[in-house]
Amino acid sequence: MNHANTIPARARPSGLVLRLAVGLTCVAMLAGCSTIKGWFSGKNKDRSAEPSELTEFAPSAKVAKLWSANAGKGEGLLGARQAPAIADGRVYAAAVKGGVRAFDLQSGAKVWTYDSDLSLSGGPGAADGVVAVGSLEGDVIALDAATGAEKWRAKVVNEVIAAPAVGQGLVIVHSNDGRVTAFDAASGERRWFWNHEMPLLTVRGNDAPSLGPGYAFVGNDDGTVTALSLADGRELWTQVIGQPDGRTELERMADVDGTPVLDGAILYASSFKRQTLAIEAPSGRPIWARDSGGLGRVGVASDRVVVTDPDGIVWALDKASGSALWSQPAMTRRSLTAPAVQGDYAVVGDYDGYLHWLKLDTGELAARTRASRDALRATPVVVDGILVVQDTDGDISAYQVQ
């Protein structure tokens, strides 16, 4: 079934919707792509737009690398922000070339490999004994989480570069044309789909829906978040996170490209327009809004949320009011990932393969390690105190704060 939006959308011009590649985003933002240093030459270099140099500090936390592994050929410049999924003591990772692999969370030992000739750009998502991945060709594949055996295969009409959401008997796929499709997790039968009007120009990429009891929460490219009924795909509410205003299409980009994060009954979402909202999930009622935020997910701790803005400044916001508790500008223009929360620390990765641990209470730098020589674009994943990160070349590593 196809449901109309409850918020009026601008008419879309004829022809293909333009998708802004990551490279163009870096040019527009003058942020830290790995090649940015080569854009400046001559004696009078303007270094104001270069990535911040890393400064020395006295570490207050000790980080241990537990293991490393390879998932296959990484995403490179696809803009997929391909990340592993962790469920039931295993790490599941997909590769553009190389299929899907499962590793033990504690040791990194390989458990199984699913080989595929498809470009598996989206995923994996994992829950309830199912691992689901999507491809650049619009394929959706469900695997048995225990063995890696293929359970079923389906198709959507556009590329899938976001991880499917798995849960409550469904596999929910957010394809790159804005459509959300629900498949039966056991059989692969399509249950419903929902379309959302696309803006003329958007940032390359999207992220997985977030699941709540009976709900799917979807971040949209026009700066909104929508709640859908898991029973039939019916739109329950839509809330604006970032208002798409400005004189040009570039200025109007307001994508919510990070998975909305559900914490109890409160949903947190952030937008390319630097807006972060706390929303009452059942009703869609805004609780607070703050002019700090960016493309990625929101990191959620016990009393605060953490966001990364497009300039590479990390912010901690009070959960109850949204007021800023601290900001950390030491990594500006380093194309930071969205933050993850690991114990008493917020963790972000950067374009040069470094991971940075910040104290949650003060924002001070606590530890740093180089996970890779390649960029880290995907949000690190933390389960059972172990942080796992995947670089753009398909390498995975796991860390623990001691």
Protein backbone atom coordinates (compact mmCIF):
# COMPACT_ATOMS: atom_id res chain seq x y z
CA MET A 1 0.00 0.00 0.00
CA ASN A 2 1.13 3.52 -0.64
CA HIS A 3 0.35 6.24 1.85
CA ALA A 4 0.45 9.98 1.24
CA ASN A 5 2.51 12.32 3.38
CA THR A 6 0.82 14.36 6.08
CA ILE A 7 3.17 17.28 5.49
CA PRO A 8 2.90 19.07 2.11
CA ALA A 9 5.92 18.39 -0.07
CA ARG A 10 7.40 20.54 -2.83
CA ALA A 11 6.64 19.38 -6.31
CA ARG A 12 9.55 17.42 -7.71
CA PRO A 13 10.90 18.46 -11.13
CA SER A 14 10.76 15.90 -13.89
CA GLY A 15 13.78 13.67 -14.42
CA LEU A 16 16.00 11.90 -11.98
CA VAL A 17 16.44 13.15 -8.45
CA LEU A 18 19.95 14.50 -8.03
CA ARG A 19 22.04 12.77 -5.38
CA LEU A 20 24.97 14.74 -4.03
CA ALA A 21 28.05 12.55 -3.71
CA VAL A 22 30.25 12.62 -0.66
CA GLY A 23 32.98 14.33 -2.61
CA LEU A 24 30.72 17.26 -3.46
CA THR A 25 29.65 17.53 0.14
CA CYS A 26 33.29 17.82 1.15
CA VAL A 27 33.86 20.56 -1.43
CA ALA A 28 30.79 22.48 -0.30
CA MET A 29 31.63 22.19 3.37
CA LEU A 30 35.41 22.48 2.88
CA ALA A 31 35.59 19.61 5.33
CA GLY A 32 38.26 17.00 5.73
CA CYS A 33 38.18 14.54 2.86
CA SER A 34 41.41 12.59 2.65
CA THR A 35 42.46 14.49 -0.48
CA ILE A 36 41.75 17.97 0.79
CA LYS A 37 45.38 18.78 1.57
CA GLY A 38 46.22 18.44 -2.11
CA TRP A 39 43.86 21.28 -2.99
CA PHE A 40 46.16 23.90 -1.48
CA SER A 41 49.50 24.89 -2.97
CA GLY A 42 51.81 27.87 -3.14
CA LYS A 43 53.54 29.93 -0.51
CA ASN A 44 50.41 31.64 0.72
CA LYS A 45 48.37 28.59 1.66
CA ASP A 46 45.00 29.25 3.24
CA ARG A 47 45.06 26.67 6.00
CA SER A 48 41.77 27.80 7.55
CA ALA A 49 39.86 25.13 5.65
CA GLU A 50 42.31 22.28 6.17
CA PRO A 51 41.62 19.55 8.73
CA SER A 52 42.80 20.40 12.21
CA GLU A 53 46.19 19.01 13.13
CA LEU A 54 46.03 16.54 15.98
CA THR A 55 47.44 17.99 19.17
CA GLU A 56 49.24 16.11 21.90
CA PHE A 57 47.51 15.53 25.24
CA ALA A 58 48.04 13.41 28.32
CA PRO A 59 45.76 10.35 27.97
CA SER A 60 43.54 9.72 30.96
CA ALA A 61 42.13 6.43 29.64
CA LYS A 62 43.87 3.31 28.37
CA VAL A 63 42.39 1.71 25.26
CA ALA A 64 43.26 -1.85 24.27
CA LYS A 65 42.84 -3.28 20.79
CA LEU A 66 41.20 -6.68 21.12
CA TRP A 67 41.31 -7.94 17.54
CA SER A 68 41.13 -7.02 13.87
CA ALA A 69 39.66 -8.74 10.81
CA ASN A 70 38.68 -8.11 7.20
CA ALA A 71 35.16 -8.19 5.76
CA GLY A 72 36.20 -8.00 2.10
CA LYS A 73 36.46 -5.08 -0.29
CA GLY A 74 35.24 -1.93 1.45
CA GLU A 75 32.88 0.79 0.29
CA GLY A 76 35.60 3.19 -0.87
CA LEU A 77 33.88 6.39 -2.01
CA LEU A 78 30.31 5.01 -2.19
CA GLY A 79 29.14 7.14 0.73
CA ALA A 80 27.39 4.18 2.34
CA ARG A 81 28.95 4.56 5.82
CA GLN A 82 29.02 0.77 5.99
CA ALA A 83 29.13 -0.44 9.59
CA PRO A 84 29.04 -3.83 11.29
CA ALA A 85 26.06 -5.10 13.27
CA ILE A 86 26.38 -6.86 16.62
CA ALA A 87 23.86 -9.36 17.98
CA ASP A 88 24.03 -12.37 20.29
CA GLY A 89 27.78 -12.19 20.78
CA ARG A 90 28.64 -11.96 17.09
CA VAL A 91 29.80 -9.22 14.77
CA TYR A 92 28.28 -9.29 11.28
CA ALA A 93 29.98 -7.32 8.52
CA ALA A 94 29.18 -6.89 4.81
CA ALA A 95 31.50 -5.96 1.97
CA VAL A 96 30.93 -4.40 -1.42
CA LYS A 97 32.85 -7.40 -2.77
CA GLY A 98 33.22 -10.37 -0.49
CA GLY A 99 29.76 -11.16 0.87
CA VAL A 100 28.95 -11.26 4.57
CA ARG A 101 31.11 -12.55 7.41
CA ALA A 102 30.38 -13.32 11.05
CA PHE A 103 32.97 -12.96 13.80
CA ASP A 104 33.00 -13.72 17.50
CA LEU A 105 32.66 -10.44 19.40
CA GLN A 106 35.17 -11.33 22.11
CA SER A 107 37.94 -12.93 20.04
CA GLY A 108 37.36 -11.87 16.44
CA ALA A 109 37.43 -15.50 15.31
CA LYS A 110 35.56 -16.00 12.03
CA VAL A 111 32.38 -18.03 12.51
CA TRP A 112 31.05 -18.20 8.93
CA THR A 113 31.23 -16.58 5.49
CA TYR A 114 28.44 -16.00 2.99
CA ASP A 115 29.89 -15.50 -0.48
CA SER A 116 28.11 -13.28 -2.99
CA ASP A 117 28.84 -11.70 -6.36
CA LEU A 118 26.53 -8.80 -5.50
CA SER A 119 27.77 -5.41 -4.35
CA LEU A 120 26.50 -5.58 -0.76
CA SER A 121 26.53 -1.90 0.08
CA GLY A 122 23.71 -1.83 2.60
CA GLY A 123 23.82 -3.64 5.86
CA PRO A 124 24.01 -5.74 7.67
CA GLY A 125 21.14 -5.51 10.09
CA ALA A 126 20.84 -8.31 12.63
CA ALA A 127 18.26 -9.44 15.20
CA ASP A 128 16.08 -12.41 16.09
CA GLY A 129 18.29 -14.93 14.29
CA VAL A 130 18.25 -13.03 10.98
CA VAL A 131 21.02 -11.09 9.25
CA ALA A 132 19.79 -8.89 6.37
CA VAL A 133 21.82 -6.99 3.75
CA GLY A 134 21.05 -4.87 0.70
CA SER A 135 22.91 -4.27 -2.55
CA LEU A 136 23.61 -1.51 -5.04
CA GLU A 137 21.32 -3.39 -7.44
CA GLY A 138 18.36 -3.31 -5.02
CA ASP A 139 18.67 -6.89 -3.80
CA VAL A 140 17.67 -7.72 -0.23
CA ILE A 141 19.09 -10.96 1.22
CA ALA A 142 18.21 -12.57 4.54
CA LEU A 143 20.64 -15.03 6.13
CA ASP A 144 20.43 -17.41 9.05
CA ALA A 145 22.44 -15.73 11.80
CA ALA A 146 23.70 -19.04 13.18
CA THR A 147 25.02 -20.56 9.96
CA GLY A 148 25.09 -17.87 7.26
CA ALA A 149 22.75 -19.93 5.05
CA GLU A 150 20.53 -17.90 2.74
CA LYS A 151 16.90 -17.85 3.91
CA TRP A 152 15.35 -15.74 1.15
CA ARG A 153 16.01 -13.04 -1.42
CA ALA A 154 13.84 -10.10 -2.50
CA LYS A 155 14.11 -6.96 -4.62
CA VAL A 156 13.46 -3.23 -4.28
CA VAL A 157 13.53 -0.69 -7.11
CA ASN A 158 16.57 1.34 -6.00
CA GLU A 159 19.99 0.82 -4.44
CA VAL A 160 20.21 -0.02 -0.75
CA ILE A 161 23.10 1.66 1.05
CA ALA A 162 21.55 1.65 4.52
CA ALA A 163 21.43 -1.34 6.84
CA PRO A 164 18.01 -3.01 6.95
CA ALA A 165 16.26 -2.89 10.32
CA VAL A 166 15.34 -6.35 11.63
CA GLY A 167 12.79 -6.99 14.36
CA GLN A 168 9.20 -7.77 15.33
CA GLY A 169 8.91 -10.30 12.50
CA LEU A 170 9.95 -7.86 9.76
CA VAL A 171 12.94 -6.75 7.72
CA ILE A 172 12.56 -3.02 6.98
CA VAL A 173 14.55 -1.63 4.05
CA HIS A 174 15.11 2.10 3.43
CA SER A 175 16.26 2.38 -0.19
CA ASN A 176 18.02 5.38 -1.65
CA ASP A 177 14.92 6.72 -3.41
CA GLY A 178 13.26 7.39 -0.05
CA ARG A 179 10.99 4.32 -0.16
CA VAL A 180 10.59 2.10 2.90
CA THR A 181 9.68 -1.54 2.25
CA ALA A 182 8.73 -4.17 4.83
CA PHE A 183 9.34 -7.87 4.24
CA ASP A 184 8.27 -10.83 6.36
CA ALA A 185 11.42 -11.91 8.20
CA ALA A 186 10.62 -15.60 7.86
CA SER A 187 9.44 -15.82 4.24
CA GLY A 188 10.61 -12.65 2.49
CA GLU A 189 7.07 -11.83 1.39
CA ARG A 190 6.51 -8.10 0.97
CA ARG A 191 4.10 -6.83 3.60
CA TRP A 192 3.89 -3.12 2.74
CA PHE A 193 5.77 -0.13 1.38
CA TRP A 194 5.73 3.61 1.95
CA ASN A 195 6.95 6.38 -0.38
CA HIS A 196 8.34 9.76 0.59
CA GLU A 197 8.85 12.66 -1.77
CA MET A 198 12.52 13.42 -2.43
CA PRO A 199 14.01 16.93 -2.59
CA LEU A 200 15.81 17.97 -5.75
CA LEU A 201 19.22 17.82 -4.08
CA THR A 202 20.24 15.69 -1.10
CA VAL A 203 23.35 14.48 0.64
CA ARG A 204 24.45 11.06 -0.56
CA GLY A 205 23.25 8.31 1.73
CA ASN A 206 20.66 7.44 4.34
CA ASP A 207 20.48 5.19 7.38
CA ALA A 208 18.44 2.36 8.83
CA PRO A 209 15.01 2.94 10.36
CA SER A 210 14.74 2.66 14.12
CA LEU A 211 12.22 0.17 15.54
CA GLY A 212 9.99 0.67 18.56
CA PRO A 213 7.01 -1.37 19.81
CA GLY A 214 4.76 -1.33 16.75
CA TYR A 215 6.65 1.58 15.16
CA ALA A 216 9.33 2.24 12.55
CA PHE A 217 10.98 5.67 12.76
CA VAL A 218 12.50 6.86 9.48
CA GLY A 219 14.82 9.80 8.80
CA ASN A 220 13.99 11.53 5.50
CA ASP A 221 16.01 13.56 3.02
CA ASP A 222 13.74 16.61 3.37
CA GLY A 223 14.72 17.11 7.01
CA THR A 224 11.82 15.22 8.61
CA VAL A 225 11.34 12.09 10.68
CA THR A 226 8.28 9.90 10.11
CA ALA A 227 6.70 7.28 12.37
CA LEU A 228 5.15 4.34 10.49
CA SER A 229 2.90 1.58 11.80
CA LEU A 230 4.70 -1.75 11.57
CA ALA A 231 1.37 -3.47 11.03
CA ASP A 232 0.56 -1.85 7.68
CA GLY A 233 3.05 0.95 6.91
CA ARG A 234 0.50 3.63 7.74
CA GLU A 235 2.03 7.05 8.47
CA LEU A 236 1.33 8.00 12.08
CA TRP A 237 3.14 11.32 12.28
CA THR A 238 5.86 13.38 10.62
CA GLN A 239 8.02 15.92 12.45
CA VAL A 240 10.41 18.49 10.97
CA ILE A 241 13.95 18.20 12.35
CA GLY A 242 15.77 20.60 10.02
CA GLN A 243 13.83 23.21 8.05
CA PRO A 244 14.92 23.11 4.36
CA ASP A 245 15.23 26.87 3.86
CA GLY A 246 17.65 28.91 1.75
CA ARG A 247 17.95 30.51 -1.68
CA THR A 248 19.54 27.54 -3.45
CA GLU A 249 18.98 23.80 -3.42
CA LEU A 250 22.40 23.40 -1.81
CA GLU A 251 21.42 25.73 1.03
CA ARG A 252 18.10 23.91 1.46
CA MET A 253 19.63 20.49 2.08
CA ALA A 254 18.33 19.34 5.47
CA ASP A 255 18.76 15.55 5.34
CA VAL A 256 18.16 13.37 8.38
CA ASP A 257 20.68 10.74 7.31
CA GLY A 258 21.34 9.17 10.70
CA THR A 259 19.12 6.55 12.28
CA PRO A 260 16.74 8.21 14.78
CA VAL A 261 17.66 6.84 18.21
CA LEU A 262 14.90 5.64 20.54
CA ASP A 263 15.66 5.85 24.27
CA GLY A 264 12.67 4.76 26.30
CA ALA A 265 9.76 6.81 24.98
CA ILE A 266 11.98 9.63 23.63
CA LEU A 267 13.28 9.74 20.06
CA TYR A 268 16.39 11.75 19.21
CA ALA A 269 17.23 12.84 15.66
CA SER A 270 19.69 15.24 14.07
CA SER A 271 19.81 17.00 10.70
CA PHE A 272 22.31 18.33 8.16
CA LYS A 273 20.82 21.75 9.06
CA ARG A 274 22.53 21.41 12.48
CA GLN A 275 19.24 20.86 14.30
CA THR A 276 18.81 18.16 16.94
CA LEU A 277 15.36 17.35 18.35
CA ALA A 278 14.04 15.29 21.22
CA ILE A 279 10.58 13.95 20.34
CA GLU A 280 7.91 12.15 22.31
CA ALA A 281 7.91 8.99 20.22
CA PRO A 282 4.28 7.86 20.49
CA SER A 283 2.83 11.27 19.58
CA GLY A 284 5.57 13.01 17.58
CA ARG A 285 5.42 16.02 19.93
CA PRO A 286 8.71 17.96 20.12
CA ILE A 287 10.21 18.20 23.59
CA TRP A 288 13.20 20.41 22.78
CA ALA A 289 15.29 21.58 19.82
CA ARG A 290 18.92 22.64 19.69
CA ASP A 291 20.99 24.33 16.96
CA SER A 292 23.74 21.73 17.19
CA GLY A 293 23.87 18.55 15.18
CA GLY A 294 24.63 17.03 11.82
CA LEU A 295 24.15 14.15 9.43
CA GLY A 296 24.87 11.23 11.72
CA ARG A 297 23.19 9.45 14.56
CA VAL A 298 22.89 10.79 18.08
CA GLY A 299 24.95 9.10 20.80
CA VAL A 300 22.84 8.55 23.90
CA ALA A 301 24.18 8.36 27.46
CA SER A 302 22.35 8.28 30.78
CA ASP A 303 21.86 12.04 31.19
CA ARG A 304 23.03 13.54 27.89
CA VAL A 305 23.16 13.04 24.15
CA VAL A 306 26.21 13.63 21.98
CA VAL A 307 26.22 14.92 18.39
CA THR A 308 28.80 15.87 15.76
CA ASP A 309 28.19 18.96 13.65
CA PRO A 310 29.30 19.45 10.01
CA ASP A 311 32.35 21.45 11.16
CA GLY A 312 33.65 18.53 13.22
CA ILE A 313 32.71 19.99 16.60
CA VAL A 314 31.40 17.45 19.11
CA TRP A 315 28.59 18.61 21.40
CA ALA A 316 27.03 17.18 24.55
CA LEU A 317 23.41 18.22 25.14
CA ASP A 318 21.37 17.80 28.28
CA LYS A 319 18.76 15.07 27.79
CA ALA A 320 16.05 16.93 29.65
CA SER A 321 16.44 20.42 28.17
CA GLY A 322 18.74 20.21 25.15
CA SER A 323 21.05 22.84 26.62
CA ALA A 324 24.71 22.55 25.65
CA LEU A 325 26.86 21.00 28.38
CA TRP A 326 30.14 21.22 26.48
CA SER A 327 31.65 21.37 23.01
CA GLN A 328 34.96 19.99 21.74
CA PRO A 329 36.46 21.75 18.68
CA ALA A 330 39.85 20.00 18.62
CA MET A 331 38.91 17.87 15.59
CA THR A 332 37.32 20.44 13.31
CA ARG A 333 37.18 19.66 9.60
CA ARG A 334 38.34 16.08 10.14
CA SER A 335 35.10 14.62 8.69
CA LEU A 336 34.10 13.02 11.98
CA THR A 337 31.74 10.10 12.30
CA ALA A 338 28.66 10.33 14.44
CA PRO A 339 29.52 9.61 18.09
CA ALA A 340 29.14 6.33 19.92
CA VAL A 341 28.98 6.05 23.70
CA GLN A 342 31.37 3.57 25.36
CA GLY A 343 31.05 3.65 29.13
CA ASP A 344 32.08 7.08 30.37
CA TYR A 345 33.29 8.21 26.94
CA ALA A 346 32.01 9.48 23.62
CA VAL A 347 33.94 8.06 20.65
CA VAL A 348 34.27 9.44 17.12
CA GLY A 349 36.33 8.37 14.12
CA ASP A 350 37.85 10.62 11.45
CA TYR A 351 38.90 10.80 7.80
CA ASP A 352 42.47 9.69 8.61
CA GLY A 353 41.53 6.51 10.47
CA TYR A 354 41.86 7.82 14.02
CA LEU A 355 39.49 7.07 16.88
CA HIS A 356 39.09 9.72 19.59
CA TRP A 357 37.71 9.11 23.10
CA LEU A 358 36.19 12.14 24.90
CA LYS A 359 35.15 12.26 28.54
CA LEU A 360 31.38 12.37 28.68
CA ASP A 361 31.32 14.66 31.70
CA THR A 362 33.69 17.35 30.39
CA GLY A 363 34.38 16.72 26.69
CA GLU A 364 38.13 16.54 27.32
CA LEU A 365 40.19 14.24 25.09
CA ALA A 366 40.91 11.05 27.01
CA ALA A 367 42.50 8.68 24.46
CA ARG A 368 43.33 8.32 20.79
CA THR A 369 44.40 5.46 18.57
CA ARG A 370 44.81 4.96 14.85
CA ALA A 371 42.46 2.19 13.80
CA SER A 372 43.29 2.38 10.09
CA ARG A 373 45.16 4.17 7.32
CA ASP A 374 41.78 4.49 5.57
CA ALA A 375 38.87 6.73 6.47
CA LEU A 376 36.36 5.93 9.18
CA ARG A 377 32.93 7.10 8.04
CA ALA A 378 30.53 4.73 9.80
CA THR A 379 29.45 5.28 13.39
CA PRO A 380 31.33 2.91 15.73
CA VAL A 381 29.16 0.22 17.33
CA VAL A 382 29.33 -0.55 21.06
CA VAL A 383 27.93 -3.71 22.67
CA ASP A 384 28.95 -5.26 26.01
CA GLY A 385 31.58 -2.58 26.49
CA ILE A 386 33.36 -3.47 23.23
CA LEU A 387 33.61 -0.90 20.43
CA VAL A 388 33.79 -2.19 16.85
CA VAL A 389 34.54 0.02 13.85
CA GLN A 390 34.79 -0.65 10.10
CA ASP A 391 36.88 1.46 7.72
CA THR A 392 36.19 2.22 4.07
CA ASP A 393 38.56 -0.56 2.97
CA GLY A 394 36.54 -3.24 4.77
CA ASP A 395 38.85 -3.71 7.77
CA ILE A 396 37.29 -4.16 11.20
CA SER A 397 38.81 -3.64 14.63
CA ALA A 398 37.57 -3.95 18.21
CA TYR A 399 38.57 -1.94 21.29
CA GLN A 400 37.94 -1.89 24.99
CA VAL A 401 38.59 0.85 27.55
CA GLN A 402 40.59 -0.55 30.45
